[in-house]
Amino acid sequence: MMKKNAWVLLLLIVLGLVGGALVAMWLESVPGLSFLTRTADLSWSPAADLLVVGFELSIRIEISLLSIIGAIVAVWLYRKM
């Protein structure tokens, strides 16, 4: 039996999200499945200017229902390992 690792779970979740996003992109042209392919945009842009050093970071996430389904399948597969 393989020892479960948090990094493997994280990798599987990311792969599930990306896989779901790819399927959503491929199915965008199907009008009956628009509820699965519609994305919700989340963005976060922290910035700081401390006179000596400054930084700007921008993180943007577009998640669809198919991406969430992909992440759930990834967690299910991890539990089956």
N, C-alpha and C. Protein backbone atom coordinates (compact mmCIF):
# COMPACT_ATOMS: atom_id res chain seq x y z
N MET A 1 0.84 -1.18 0.00
CA MET A 1 0.00 0.00 0.00
C MET A 1 0.89 1.24 0.00
N MET A 2 0.55 2.21 -0.83
CA MET A 2 1.34 3.42 -0.95
C MET A 2 1.02 4.41 0.17
N LYS A 3 2.05 5.04 0.71
CA LYS A 3 1.85 6.04 1.74
C LYS A 3 1.29 7.30 1.10
N LYS A 4 0.23 7.84 1.68
CA LYS A 4 -0.41 9.03 1.13
C LYS A 4 0.40 10.27 1.51
N ASN A 5 0.48 11.18 0.56
CA ASN A 5 1.30 12.37 0.72
C ASN A 5 0.46 13.59 0.35
N ALA A 6 0.59 14.68 1.11
CA ALA A 6 -0.17 15.90 0.84
C ALA A 6 0.23 16.52 -0.50
N TRP A 7 1.49 16.37 -0.90
CA TRP A 7 1.93 16.94 -2.18
C TRP A 7 1.28 16.22 -3.35
N VAL A 8 1.09 14.92 -3.21
CA VAL A 8 0.41 14.16 -4.26
C VAL A 8 -1.04 14.62 -4.37
N LEU A 9 -1.69 14.83 -3.23
CA LEU A 9 -3.06 15.33 -3.23
C LEU A 9 -3.14 16.70 -3.90
N LEU A 10 -2.22 17.60 -3.55
CA LEU A 10 -2.21 18.93 -4.15
C LEU A 10 -2.00 18.85 -5.66
N LEU A 11 -1.08 18.01 -6.08
CA LEU A 11 -0.82 17.83 -7.51
C LEU A 11 -2.05 17.28 -8.23
N LEU A 12 -2.71 16.30 -7.64
CA LEU A 12 -3.91 15.75 -8.25
C LEU A 12 -5.03 16.78 -8.33
N ILE A 13 -5.19 17.60 -7.31
CA ILE A 13 -6.22 18.63 -7.34
C ILE A 13 -5.94 19.65 -8.44
N VAL A 14 -4.69 20.08 -8.56
CA VAL A 14 -4.33 21.03 -9.61
C VAL A 14 -4.57 20.41 -10.98
N LEU A 15 -4.17 19.15 -11.15
CA LEU A 15 -4.41 18.47 -12.43
C LEU A 15 -5.91 18.32 -12.71
N GLY A 16 -6.70 18.07 -11.68
CA GLY A 16 -8.15 17.99 -11.85
C GLY A 16 -8.75 19.32 -12.25
N LEU A 17 -8.26 20.41 -11.64
CA LEU A 17 -8.76 21.74 -12.01
C LEU A 17 -8.40 22.09 -13.45
N VAL A 18 -7.16 21.80 -13.84
CA VAL A 18 -6.72 22.08 -15.20
C VAL A 18 -7.47 21.21 -16.20
N GLY A 19 -7.64 19.94 -15.88
CA GLY A 19 -8.38 19.04 -16.76
C GLY A 19 -9.83 19.49 -16.93
N GLY A 20 -10.46 19.89 -15.85
CA GLY A 20 -11.83 20.40 -15.92
C GLY A 20 -11.91 21.68 -16.74
N ALA A 21 -10.90 22.55 -16.61
CA ALA A 21 -10.88 23.79 -17.39
C ALA A 21 -10.71 23.49 -18.88
N LEU A 22 -9.89 22.49 -19.20
CA LEU A 22 -9.72 22.10 -20.60
C LEU A 22 -11.02 21.55 -21.19
N VAL A 23 -11.70 20.70 -20.45
CA VAL A 23 -12.97 20.16 -20.92
C VAL A 23 -13.99 21.29 -21.09
N ALA A 24 -14.01 22.24 -20.15
CA ALA A 24 -14.92 23.38 -20.26
C ALA A 24 -14.60 24.21 -21.50
N MET A 25 -13.33 24.39 -21.80
CA MET A 25 -12.94 25.15 -22.98
C MET A 25 -13.39 24.42 -24.26
N TRP A 26 -13.24 23.10 -24.28
CA TRP A 26 -13.65 22.32 -25.45
C TRP A 26 -15.16 22.32 -25.63
N LEU A 27 -15.92 22.42 -24.55
CA LEU A 27 -17.37 22.34 -24.63
C LEU A 27 -18.05 23.71 -24.67
N GLU A 28 -17.29 24.79 -24.78
CA GLU A 28 -17.88 26.13 -24.81
C GLU A 28 -18.84 26.32 -25.96
N SER A 29 -18.59 25.68 -27.08
CA SER A 29 -19.43 25.89 -28.26
C SER A 29 -20.75 25.13 -28.19
N VAL A 30 -20.94 24.27 -27.19
CA VAL A 30 -22.19 23.52 -27.04
C VAL A 30 -23.15 24.37 -26.22
N PRO A 31 -24.23 24.89 -26.83
CA PRO A 31 -25.11 25.82 -26.09
C PRO A 31 -25.83 25.18 -24.91
N GLY A 32 -26.14 23.90 -24.95
CA GLY A 32 -26.87 23.26 -23.86
C GLY A 32 -26.04 23.06 -22.60
N LEU A 33 -24.72 23.18 -22.72
CA LEU A 33 -23.84 22.96 -21.57
C LEU A 33 -23.22 24.25 -21.04
N SER A 34 -23.84 25.37 -21.33
CA SER A 34 -23.25 26.64 -20.90
C SER A 34 -23.18 26.78 -19.38
N PHE A 35 -24.08 26.11 -18.65
CA PHE A 35 -24.03 26.20 -17.19
C PHE A 35 -22.80 25.49 -16.63
N LEU A 36 -22.25 24.53 -17.37
CA LEU A 36 -21.04 23.85 -16.92
C LEU A 36 -19.77 24.61 -17.28
N THR A 37 -19.82 25.39 -18.36
CA THR A 37 -18.61 26.04 -18.87
C THR A 37 -18.49 27.50 -18.45
N ARG A 38 -19.52 28.07 -17.87
CA ARG A 38 -19.46 29.47 -17.42
C ARG A 38 -18.47 29.60 -16.27
N THR A 39 -17.58 30.59 -16.36
CA THR A 39 -16.55 30.74 -15.34
C THR A 39 -16.87 31.88 -14.38
N ALA A 40 -16.38 31.74 -13.18
CA ALA A 40 -16.43 32.80 -12.18
C ALA A 40 -14.99 33.29 -12.00
N ASP A 41 -14.81 34.58 -12.11
CA ASP A 41 -13.47 35.16 -12.03
C ASP A 41 -13.20 35.66 -10.61
N LEU A 42 -12.07 35.23 -10.07
CA LEU A 42 -11.59 35.70 -8.78
C LEU A 42 -10.21 36.30 -8.99
N SER A 43 -9.99 37.49 -8.44
CA SER A 43 -8.66 38.08 -8.58
C SER A 43 -8.25 38.73 -7.27
N TRP A 44 -6.94 38.73 -7.05
CA TRP A 44 -6.35 39.30 -5.84
C TRP A 44 -5.04 39.94 -6.26
N SER A 45 -4.87 41.22 -5.93
CA SER A 45 -3.67 41.94 -6.35
C SER A 45 -3.07 42.73 -5.18
N PRO A 46 -2.34 42.08 -4.30
CA PRO A 46 -1.69 42.82 -3.23
C PRO A 46 -0.47 43.57 -3.76
N ALA A 47 -0.21 44.73 -3.19
CA ALA A 47 0.94 45.53 -3.59
C ALA A 47 1.43 46.32 -2.38
N ALA A 48 2.72 46.61 -2.37
CA ALA A 48 3.30 47.41 -1.29
C ALA A 48 4.46 48.22 -1.85
N ASP A 49 4.56 49.45 -1.39
CA ASP A 49 5.69 50.31 -1.72
C ASP A 49 6.29 50.76 -0.40
N LEU A 50 7.45 50.19 -0.04
CA LEU A 50 8.08 50.45 1.24
C LEU A 50 9.29 51.35 1.11
N LEU A 51 9.32 52.22 0.11
CA LEU A 51 10.38 53.16 -0.21
C LEU A 51 11.66 52.47 -0.68
N VAL A 52 12.11 51.48 0.02
CA VAL A 52 13.33 50.77 -0.35
C VAL A 52 13.01 49.63 -1.32
N VAL A 53 11.95 48.96 -1.04
CA VAL A 53 11.55 47.82 -1.87
C VAL A 53 10.04 47.89 -2.07
N GLY A 54 9.61 47.46 -3.22
CA GLY A 54 8.18 47.41 -3.50
C GLY A 54 7.86 46.14 -4.27
N PHE A 55 6.63 45.73 -4.19
CA PHE A 55 6.23 44.55 -4.94
C PHE A 55 4.78 44.67 -5.37
N GLU A 56 4.47 43.98 -6.43
CA GLU A 56 3.11 43.84 -6.91
C GLU A 56 2.92 42.38 -7.29
N LEU A 57 1.81 41.82 -6.87
CA LEU A 57 1.50 40.43 -7.17
C LEU A 57 0.06 40.38 -7.65
N SER A 58 -0.16 39.66 -8.72
CA SER A 58 -1.51 39.54 -9.25
C SER A 58 -1.84 38.06 -9.42
N ILE A 59 -2.91 37.64 -8.80
CA ILE A 59 -3.37 36.26 -8.91
C ILE A 59 -4.80 36.30 -9.44
N ARG A 60 -5.03 35.55 -10.51
CA ARG A 60 -6.36 35.51 -11.13
C ARG A 60 -6.76 34.05 -11.31
N ILE A 61 -7.97 33.73 -10.87
CA ILE A 61 -8.48 32.37 -10.97
C ILE A 61 -9.81 32.44 -11.71
N GLU A 62 -9.93 31.64 -12.75
CA GLU A 62 -11.20 31.47 -13.46
C GLU A 62 -11.63 30.03 -13.25
N ILE A 63 -12.70 29.84 -12.51
CA ILE A 63 -13.12 28.49 -12.15
C ILE A 63 -14.53 28.24 -12.68
N SER A 64 -14.72 27.06 -13.21
CA SER A 64 -16.03 26.68 -13.72
C SER A 64 -16.53 25.45 -12.96
N LEU A 65 -17.76 25.08 -13.23
CA LEU A 65 -18.32 23.91 -12.58
C LEU A 65 -17.57 22.65 -12.98
N LEU A 66 -17.12 22.58 -14.23
CA LEU A 66 -16.34 21.42 -14.67
C LEU A 66 -14.99 21.36 -13.96
N SER A 67 -14.40 22.50 -13.64
CA SER A 67 -13.14 22.51 -12.89
C SER A 67 -13.35 21.96 -11.48
N ILE A 68 -14.45 22.35 -10.87
CA ILE A 68 -14.76 21.85 -9.54
C ILE A 68 -15.00 20.34 -9.58
N ILE A 69 -15.70 19.88 -10.61
CA ILE A 69 -15.93 18.45 -10.77
C ILE A 69 -14.60 17.72 -10.96
N GLY A 70 -13.68 18.30 -11.73
CA GLY A 70 -12.36 17.71 -11.91
C GLY A 70 -11.60 17.60 -10.60
N ALA A 71 -11.69 18.63 -9.75
CA ALA A 71 -11.01 18.59 -8.45
C ALA A 71 -11.64 17.52 -7.55
N ILE A 72 -12.96 17.38 -7.60
CA ILE A 72 -13.63 16.37 -6.79
C ILE A 72 -13.23 14.97 -7.24
N VAL A 73 -13.14 14.76 -8.55
CA VAL A 73 -12.70 13.47 -9.08
C VAL A 73 -11.26 13.19 -8.64
N ALA A 74 -10.41 14.23 -8.62
CA ALA A 74 -9.02 14.05 -8.19
C ALA A 74 -8.95 13.62 -6.73
N VAL A 75 -9.75 14.22 -5.88
CA VAL A 75 -9.77 13.84 -4.47
C VAL A 75 -10.29 12.42 -4.32
N TRP A 76 -11.30 12.05 -5.10
CA TRP A 76 -11.83 10.70 -5.07
C TRP A 76 -10.76 9.68 -5.48
N LEU A 77 -10.01 10.00 -6.56
CA LEU A 77 -8.94 9.12 -7.00
C LEU A 77 -7.84 9.00 -5.94
N TYR A 78 -7.54 10.11 -5.26
CA TYR A 78 -6.53 10.07 -4.20
C TYR A 78 -6.98 9.15 -3.06
N ARG A 79 -8.24 9.21 -2.71
CA ARG A 79 -8.75 8.36 -1.63
C ARG A 79 -8.74 6.89 -2.04
N LYS A 80 -8.87 6.60 -3.34
CA LYS A 80 -8.86 5.22 -3.83
C LYS A 80 -7.45 4.65 -3.91
N MET A 81 -6.42 5.49 -3.87
CA MET A 81 -5.03 5.01 -3.96
C MET A 81 -4.64 4.23 -2.73
